[in-house]
Amino acid sequence: MSDKLIIFDTTLRDGEQSPGASMTKDEKLRIARQLERLRVDVIEAGFAASSNGDFEAVKAIADHVKESTICSLARANDRDISRAAEALKGASRSRIHTFIATSELHMEKKLRMTREQVFEQAKLAVRFARNLTGDVEFSPEDGYRSDVDFLCRVLEAVIAEGATTINIPDTVGYAIPELYGSFIKTLRERVPNATTTSAWRWPTRWPA
């Protein structure tokens, strides 16, 4: 697999969570067009299942921006993934970015699911998304604080199901760059089919 730098911009989804950064559909479309002019490879346009407003914004961007891949975030369930696929219908190139928590704390307290339930849900979600688009990104939420053996098992399984990009988020800002870099290296070395997926992604911002 040859090395290639892929620019993934999440201003319109994660960036909108910043205080005072909420945008209208037209404002999002204007920004997406500027990102297209900058030749951004992938624009995460929103979280289509989160609200009708976000759905309409993702749809408008998918319908009008043709030079970038348009992505929608989706939790690892059929409803979210179907909603994302519907919003992305007009895109020249679409991506569904699905996620589920894999840290012990999040699985127990947030999801109230066992490891095996999370493992199966991750596989099913990627499989379902792959039937709707050829470009599927998977994120293990709170990945950095996850048990490495379990995380490797999940990543191996979702890649086998067709995930084309793996994102390893430091959801709660727990890591420092040196340790995080080592963590990514470990995952790439320990996941047997890591080289069969097209890209690995991790955040470039760090807590102060």
C-alpha atoms as a PDB file:
ATOM      1  CA  MET A   1       0.000   0.000   0.000  1.00  0.00           C
ATOM      2  CA  SER A   2       1.523   3.328  -1.058  1.00  0.00           C
ATOM      3  CA  ASP A   3       1.560   6.270   1.330  1.00  0.00           C
ATOM      4  CA  LYS A   4      -0.874   9.077   0.529  1.00  0.00           C
ATOM      5  CA  LEU A   5      -1.880  12.067   2.618  1.00  0.00           C
ATOM      6  CA  ILE A   6      -5.681  12.420   2.649  1.00  0.00           C
ATOM      7  CA  ILE A   7      -7.155  15.655   4.012  1.00  0.00           C
ATOM      8  CA  PHE A   8     -10.305  14.965   6.040  1.00  0.00           C
ATOM      9  CA  ASP A   9     -12.082  18.123   7.204  1.00  0.00           C
ATOM     10  CA  THR A  10     -14.694  17.937   9.963  1.00  0.00           C
ATOM     11  CA  THR A  11     -15.396  21.655  10.431  1.00  0.00           C
ATOM     12  CA  LEU A  12     -19.048  21.194   9.492  1.00  0.00           C
ATOM     13  CA  ARG A  13     -19.646  18.357  11.952  1.00  0.00           C
ATOM     14  CA  ASP A  14     -17.244  18.289  14.901  1.00  0.00           C
ATOM     15  CA  GLY A  15     -16.363  21.969  14.492  1.00  0.00           C
ATOM     16  CA  GLU A  16     -19.997  22.985  14.874  1.00  0.00           C
ATOM     17  CA  GLN A  17     -19.953  21.650  18.432  1.00  0.00           C
ATOM     18  CA  SER A  18     -17.786  24.595  19.503  1.00  0.00           C
ATOM     19  CA  PRO A  19     -19.725  27.280  21.422  1.00  0.00           C
ATOM     20  CA  GLY A  20     -21.203  29.847  19.048  1.00  0.00           C
ATOM     21  CA  ALA A  21     -20.271  27.864  15.934  1.00  0.00           C
ATOM     22  CA  SER A  22     -23.740  26.666  14.946  1.00  0.00           C
ATOM     23  CA  MET A  23     -24.399  27.213  11.227  1.00  0.00           C
ATOM     24  CA  THR A  24     -27.403  27.318   8.913  1.00  0.00           C
ATOM     25  CA  LYS A  25     -27.692  25.037   5.888  1.00  0.00           C
ATOM     26  CA  ASP A  26     -26.663  27.866   3.545  1.00  0.00           C
ATOM     27  CA  GLU A  27     -23.666  28.751   5.699  1.00  0.00           C
ATOM     28  CA  LYS A  28     -22.549  25.125   5.725  1.00  0.00           C
ATOM     29  CA  LEU A  29     -22.893  24.916   1.958  1.00  0.00           C
ATOM     30  CA  ARG A  30     -20.794  28.069   1.513  1.00  0.00           C
ATOM     31  CA  ILE A  31     -18.041  26.622   3.692  1.00  0.00           C
ATOM     32  CA  ALA A  32     -18.211  23.266   1.904  1.00  0.00           C
ATOM     33  CA  ARG A  33     -17.726  24.996  -1.442  1.00  0.00           C
ATOM     34  CA  GLN A  34     -14.658  26.776  -0.088  1.00  0.00           C
ATOM     35  CA  LEU A  35     -13.281  23.476   1.211  1.00  0.00           C
ATOM     36  CA  GLU A  36     -13.844  22.034  -2.253  1.00  0.00           C
ATOM     37  CA  ARG A  37     -11.859  24.938  -3.739  1.00  0.00           C
ATOM     38  CA  LEU A  38      -9.055  24.091  -1.316  1.00  0.00           C
ATOM     39  CA  ARG A  39      -9.110  20.538  -2.731  1.00  0.00           C
ATOM     40  CA  VAL A  40     -10.016  18.908   0.565  1.00  0.00           C
ATOM     41  CA  ASP A  41     -10.306  15.170  -0.107  1.00  0.00           C
ATOM     42  CA  VAL A  42     -13.118  14.336   2.330  1.00  0.00           C
ATOM     43  CA  ILE A  43     -15.652  16.729   3.868  1.00  0.00           C
ATOM     44  CA  GLU A  44     -17.545  15.418   6.884  1.00  0.00           C
ATOM     45  CA  ALA A  45     -20.687  17.429   6.212  1.00  0.00           C
ATOM     46  CA  GLY A  46     -22.652  16.526   9.327  1.00  0.00           C
ATOM     47  CA  PHE A  47     -24.506  13.922  11.329  1.00  0.00           C
ATOM     48  CA  ALA A  48     -27.555  13.299   9.150  1.00  0.00           C
ATOM     49  CA  ALA A  49     -29.522  11.326  11.732  1.00  0.00           C
ATOM     50  CA  SER A  50     -29.111  13.891  14.505  1.00  0.00           C
ATOM     51  CA  SER A  51     -31.744  16.368  13.235  1.00  0.00           C
ATOM     52  CA  ASN A  52     -33.730  17.344  10.165  1.00  0.00           C
ATOM     53  CA  GLY A  53     -31.542  20.426   9.852  1.00  0.00           C
ATOM     54  CA  ASP A  54     -28.356  18.407   9.733  1.00  0.00           C
ATOM     55  CA  PHE A  55     -29.920  15.973   7.263  1.00  0.00           C
ATOM     56  CA  GLU A  56     -30.836  18.835   4.926  1.00  0.00           C
ATOM     57  CA  ALA A  57     -27.367  20.363   5.226  1.00  0.00           C
ATOM     58  CA  VAL A  58     -25.632  17.069   4.376  1.00  0.00           C
ATOM     59  CA  LYS A  59     -28.040  16.570   1.462  1.00  0.00           C
ATOM     60  CA  ALA A  60     -27.434  20.081   0.087  1.00  0.00           C
ATOM     61  CA  ILE A  61     -23.669  19.634   0.267  1.00  0.00           C
ATOM     62  CA  ALA A  62     -23.867  16.184  -1.354  1.00  0.00           C
ATOM     63  CA  ASP A  63     -26.005  17.631  -4.158  1.00  0.00           C
ATOM     64  CA  HIS A  64     -23.753  20.614  -4.904  1.00  0.00           C
ATOM     65  CA  VAL A  65     -20.148  19.730  -4.018  1.00  0.00           C
ATOM     66  CA  LYS A  66     -18.733  17.305  -6.581  1.00  0.00           C
ATOM     67  CA  GLU A  67     -14.943  17.426  -6.317  1.00  0.00           C
ATOM     68  CA  SER A  68     -14.667  16.160  -2.719  1.00  0.00           C
ATOM     69  CA  THR A  69     -15.943  12.983  -1.074  1.00  0.00           C
ATOM     70  CA  ILE A  70     -18.915  13.902   1.129  1.00  0.00           C
ATOM     71  CA  CYS A  71     -19.204  12.082   4.442  1.00  0.00           C
ATOM     72  CA  SER A  72     -21.908  11.763   7.092  1.00  0.00           C
ATOM     73  CA  LEU A  73     -21.350  10.541  10.622  1.00  0.00           C
ATOM     74  CA  ALA A  74     -23.610   7.723  11.873  1.00  0.00           C
ATOM     75  CA  ARG A  75     -23.851   5.717  15.048  1.00  0.00           C
ATOM     76  CA  ALA A  76     -23.468   1.966  14.590  1.00  0.00           C
ATOM     77  CA  ASN A  77     -27.145   1.231  13.994  1.00  0.00           C
ATOM     78  CA  ASP A  78     -29.301   0.716  10.916  1.00  0.00           C
ATOM     79  CA  ARG A  79     -31.398   3.866  11.401  1.00  0.00           C
ATOM     80  CA  ASP A  80     -28.439   6.242  11.528  1.00  0.00           C
ATOM     81  CA  ILE A  81     -26.662   4.535   8.651  1.00  0.00           C
ATOM     82  CA  SER A  82     -29.783   4.515   6.464  1.00  0.00           C
ATOM     83  CA  ARG A  83     -30.362   8.194   7.186  1.00  0.00           C
ATOM     84  CA  ALA A  84     -26.777   9.001   6.245  1.00  0.00           C
ATOM     85  CA  ALA A  85     -27.058   7.053   3.003  1.00  0.00           C
ATOM     86  CA  GLU A  86     -30.290   8.850   2.111  1.00  0.00           C
ATOM     87  CA  ALA A  87     -28.723  12.276   2.677  1.00  0.00           C
ATOM     88  CA  LEU A  88     -25.692  11.318   0.580  1.00  0.00           C
ATOM     89  CA  LYS A  89     -27.635  10.055  -2.456  1.00  0.00           C
ATOM     90  CA  GLY A  90     -26.718  13.049  -4.607  1.00  0.00           C
ATOM     91  CA  ALA A  91     -22.975  12.858  -3.924  1.00  0.00           C
ATOM     92  CA  SER A  92     -20.509  12.019  -6.673  1.00  0.00           C
ATOM     93  CA  ARG A  93     -18.439  10.270  -4.008  1.00  0.00           C
ATOM     94  CA  SER A  94     -19.932   9.412  -0.626  1.00  0.00           C
ATOM     95  CA  ARG A  95     -18.635   8.036   2.664  1.00  0.00           C
ATOM     96  CA  ILE A  96     -20.458   6.787   5.749  1.00  0.00           C
ATOM     97  CA  HIS A  97     -18.495   7.222   8.978  1.00  0.00           C
ATOM     98  CA  THR A  98     -19.891   4.899  11.629  1.00  0.00           C
ATOM     99  CA  PHE A  99     -18.741   4.613  15.227  1.00  0.00           C
ATOM    100  CA  ILE A 100     -19.264   2.774  18.498  1.00  0.00           C
ATOM    101  CA  ALA A 101     -17.504   3.074  21.859  1.00  0.00           C
ATOM    102  CA  THR A 102     -14.890   0.439  22.736  1.00  0.00           C
ATOM    103  CA  SER A 103     -13.471   1.602  26.084  1.00  0.00           C
ATOM    104  CA  GLU A 104     -14.591  -0.291  29.178  1.00  0.00           C
ATOM    105  CA  LEU A 105     -16.032   2.851  30.773  1.00  0.00           C
ATOM    106  CA  HIS A 106     -18.050   3.874  27.739  1.00  0.00           C
ATOM    107  CA  MET A 107     -19.301   0.357  27.021  1.00  0.00           C
ATOM    108  CA  GLU A 108     -20.471  -0.120  30.587  1.00  0.00           C
ATOM    109  CA  LYS A 109     -21.787   3.328  31.518  1.00  0.00           C
ATOM    110  CA  LYS A 110     -22.804   4.862  28.191  1.00  0.00           C
ATOM    111  CA  LEU A 111     -23.840   1.939  26.017  1.00  0.00           C
ATOM    112  CA  ARG A 112     -24.653  -0.595  28.727  1.00  0.00           C
ATOM    113  CA  MET A 113     -23.320  -3.285  26.410  1.00  0.00           C
ATOM    114  CA  THR A 114     -20.875  -6.138  26.829  1.00  0.00           C
ATOM    115  CA  ARG A 115     -17.694  -6.505  24.816  1.00  0.00           C
ATOM    116  CA  GLU A 116     -19.280  -9.191  22.661  1.00  0.00           C
ATOM    117  CA  GLN A 117     -22.331  -7.046  21.972  1.00  0.00           C
ATOM    118  CA  VAL A 118     -20.137  -4.130  20.903  1.00  0.00           C
ATOM    119  CA  PHE A 119     -17.996  -6.424  18.769  1.00  0.00           C
ATOM    120  CA  GLU A 120     -21.029  -7.804  16.942  1.00  0.00           C
ATOM    121  CA  GLN A 121     -22.646  -4.376  16.562  1.00  0.00           C
ATOM    122  CA  ALA A 122     -19.479  -2.926  15.023  1.00  0.00           C
ATOM    123  CA  LYS A 123     -19.332  -5.721  12.464  1.00  0.00           C
ATOM    124  CA  LEU A 124     -23.023  -5.477  11.587  1.00  0.00           C
ATOM    125  CA  ALA A 125     -22.857  -1.699  11.215  1.00  0.00           C
ATOM    126  CA  VAL A 126     -19.913  -1.754   8.821  1.00  0.00           C
ATOM    127  CA  ARG A 127     -21.463  -4.609   6.842  1.00  0.00           C
ATOM    128  CA  PHE A 128     -24.744  -2.679   6.515  1.00  0.00           C
ATOM    129  CA  ALA A 129     -22.982   0.561   5.546  1.00  0.00           C
ATOM    130  CA  ARG A 130     -20.833  -1.257   2.989  1.00  0.00           C
ATOM    131  CA  ASN A 131     -24.010  -2.385   1.225  1.00  0.00           C
ATOM    132  CA  LEU A 132     -24.985   1.284   0.820  1.00  0.00           C
ATOM    133  CA  THR A 133     -21.647   2.834  -0.199  1.00  0.00           C
ATOM    134  CA  GLY A 134     -18.217   1.607  -1.185  1.00  0.00           C
ATOM    135  CA  ASP A 135     -16.438   3.978   1.211  1.00  0.00           C
ATOM    136  CA  VAL A 136     -16.935   3.231   4.918  1.00  0.00           C
ATOM    137  CA  GLU A 137     -14.998   4.751   7.796  1.00  0.00           C
ATOM    138  CA  PHE A 138     -15.063   3.166  11.244  1.00  0.00           C
ATOM    139  CA  SER A 139     -14.210   4.797  14.569  1.00  0.00           C
ATOM    140  CA  PRO A 140     -13.900   3.097  17.953  1.00  0.00           C
ATOM    141  CA  GLU A 141     -15.132   5.919  20.187  1.00  0.00           C
ATOM    142  CA  ASP A 142     -12.762   6.541  23.124  1.00  0.00           C
ATOM    143  CA  GLY A 143     -10.327   4.338  21.240  1.00  0.00           C
ATOM    144  CA  TYR A 144      -7.203   5.460  23.071  1.00  0.00           C
ATOM    145  CA  ARG A 145      -8.547   4.305  26.445  1.00  0.00           C
ATOM    146  CA  SER A 146      -9.703   0.947  25.057  1.00  0.00           C
ATOM    147  CA  ASP A 147      -8.108  -2.390  25.911  1.00  0.00           C
ATOM    148  CA  VAL A 148      -5.590  -2.949  23.131  1.00  0.00           C
ATOM    149  CA  ASP A 149      -6.368  -6.649  22.633  1.00  0.00           C
ATOM    150  CA  PHE A 150     -10.095  -5.949  22.323  1.00  0.00           C
ATOM    151  CA  LEU A 151      -9.548  -2.947  20.075  1.00  0.00           C
ATOM    152  CA  CYS A 152      -7.339  -4.951  17.717  1.00  0.00           C
ATOM    153  CA  ARG A 153     -10.003  -7.634  17.537  1.00  0.00           C
ATOM    154  CA  VAL A 154     -12.689  -5.084  16.657  1.00  0.00           C
ATOM    155  CA  LEU A 155     -10.522  -3.383  14.025  1.00  0.00           C
ATOM    156  CA  GLU A 156      -9.593  -6.666  12.381  1.00  0.00           C
ATOM    157  CA  ALA A 157     -13.287  -7.583  12.187  1.00  0.00           C
ATOM    158  CA  VAL A 158     -14.525  -4.278  10.725  1.00  0.00           C
ATOM    159  CA  ILE A 159     -11.764  -4.253   8.116  1.00  0.00           C
ATOM    160  CA  ALA A 160     -12.834  -7.771   7.139  1.00  0.00           C
ATOM    161  CA  GLU A 161     -16.392  -6.445   6.793  1.00  0.00           C
ATOM    162  CA  GLY A 162     -15.222  -3.759   4.364  1.00  0.00           C
ATOM    163  CA  ALA A 163     -14.177  -0.669   6.334  1.00  0.00           C
ATOM    164  CA  THR A 164     -11.912   1.352   4.047  1.00  0.00           C
ATOM    165  CA  THR A 165     -10.721   3.925   6.612  1.00  0.00           C
ATOM    166  CA  ILE A 166      -9.954   3.390  10.283  1.00  0.00           C
ATOM    167  CA  ASN A 167     -10.069   6.406  12.600  1.00  0.00           C
ATOM    168  CA  ILE A 168      -8.638   6.136  16.115  1.00  0.00           C
ATOM    169  CA  PRO A 169     -10.097   8.989  18.196  1.00  0.00           C
ATOM    170  CA  ASP A 170      -8.815  10.265  21.510  1.00  0.00           C
ATOM    171  CA  THR A 171     -12.391  11.222  22.361  1.00  0.00           C
ATOM    172  CA  VAL A 172     -11.825  12.704  25.816  1.00  0.00           C
ATOM    173  CA  GLY A 173      -8.419  14.321  25.182  1.00  0.00           C
ATOM    174  CA  TYR A 174      -6.548  11.817  27.354  1.00  0.00           C
ATOM    175  CA  ALA A 175      -3.444  11.176  25.237  1.00  0.00           C
ATOM    176  CA  ILE A 176      -0.222  13.064  24.595  1.00  0.00           C
ATOM    177  CA  PRO A 177       1.345  13.050  21.106  1.00  0.00           C
ATOM    178  CA  GLU A 178       4.318  10.784  21.833  1.00  0.00           C
ATOM    179  CA  LEU A 179       2.229   8.059  23.472  1.00  0.00           C
ATOM    180  CA  TYR A 180      -0.513   8.412  20.890  1.00  0.00           C
ATOM    181  CA  GLY A 181       1.912   7.914  18.036  1.00  0.00           C
ATOM    182  CA  SER A 182       3.205   4.753  19.693  1.00  0.00           C
ATOM    183  CA  PHE A 183      -0.369   3.556  20.185  1.00  0.00           C
ATOM    184  CA  ILE A 184      -1.190   3.952  16.482  1.00  0.00           C
ATOM    185  CA  LYS A 185       2.022   2.129  15.549  1.00  0.00           C
ATOM    186  CA  THR A 186       1.091  -0.752  17.849  1.00  0.00           C
ATOM    187  CA  LEU A 187      -2.365  -1.076  16.306  1.00  0.00           C
ATOM    188  CA  ARG A 188      -1.025  -1.103  12.766  1.00  0.00           C
ATOM    189  CA  GLU A 189       1.499  -3.774  13.695  1.00  0.00           C
ATOM    190  CA  ARG A 190      -0.951  -5.976  15.592  1.00  0.00           C
ATOM    191  CA  VAL A 191      -4.029  -5.876  13.341  1.00  0.00           C
ATOM    192  CA  PRO A 192      -3.311  -8.653  10.800  1.00  0.00           C
ATOM    193  CA  ASN A 193      -5.283  -7.121   7.910  1.00  0.00           C
ATOM    194  CA  ALA A 194      -4.309  -3.495   8.628  1.00  0.00           C
ATOM    195  CA  THR A 195      -2.637  -3.064   5.242  1.00  0.00           C
ATOM    196  CA  THR A 196      -5.785  -4.081   3.350  1.00  0.00           C
ATOM    197  CA  THR A 197      -7.654  -0.927   4.360  1.00  0.00           C
ATOM    198  CA  SER A 198      -6.964   2.236   2.371  1.00  0.00           C
ATOM    199  CA  ALA A 199      -6.301   4.698   5.186  1.00  0.00           C
ATOM    200  CA  TRP A 200      -5.772   5.226   8.905  1.00  0.00           C
ATOM    201  CA  ARG A 201      -6.791   8.524  10.444  1.00  0.00           C
ATOM    202  CA  TRP A 202      -6.223  10.181  13.783  1.00  0.00           C
ATOM    203  CA  PRO A 203      -6.860  13.672  15.176  1.00  0.00           C
ATOM    204  CA  THR A 204      -4.296  16.412  14.685  1.00  0.00           C
ATOM    205  CA  ARG A 205      -5.437  18.624  17.590  1.00  0.00           C
ATOM    206  CA  TRP A 206      -4.361  18.154  21.168  1.00  0.00           C
ATOM    207  CA  PRO A 207      -5.657  19.428  24.486  1.00  0.00           C
ATOM    208  CA  ALA A 208      -3.795  22.386  25.966  1.00  0.00           C
END
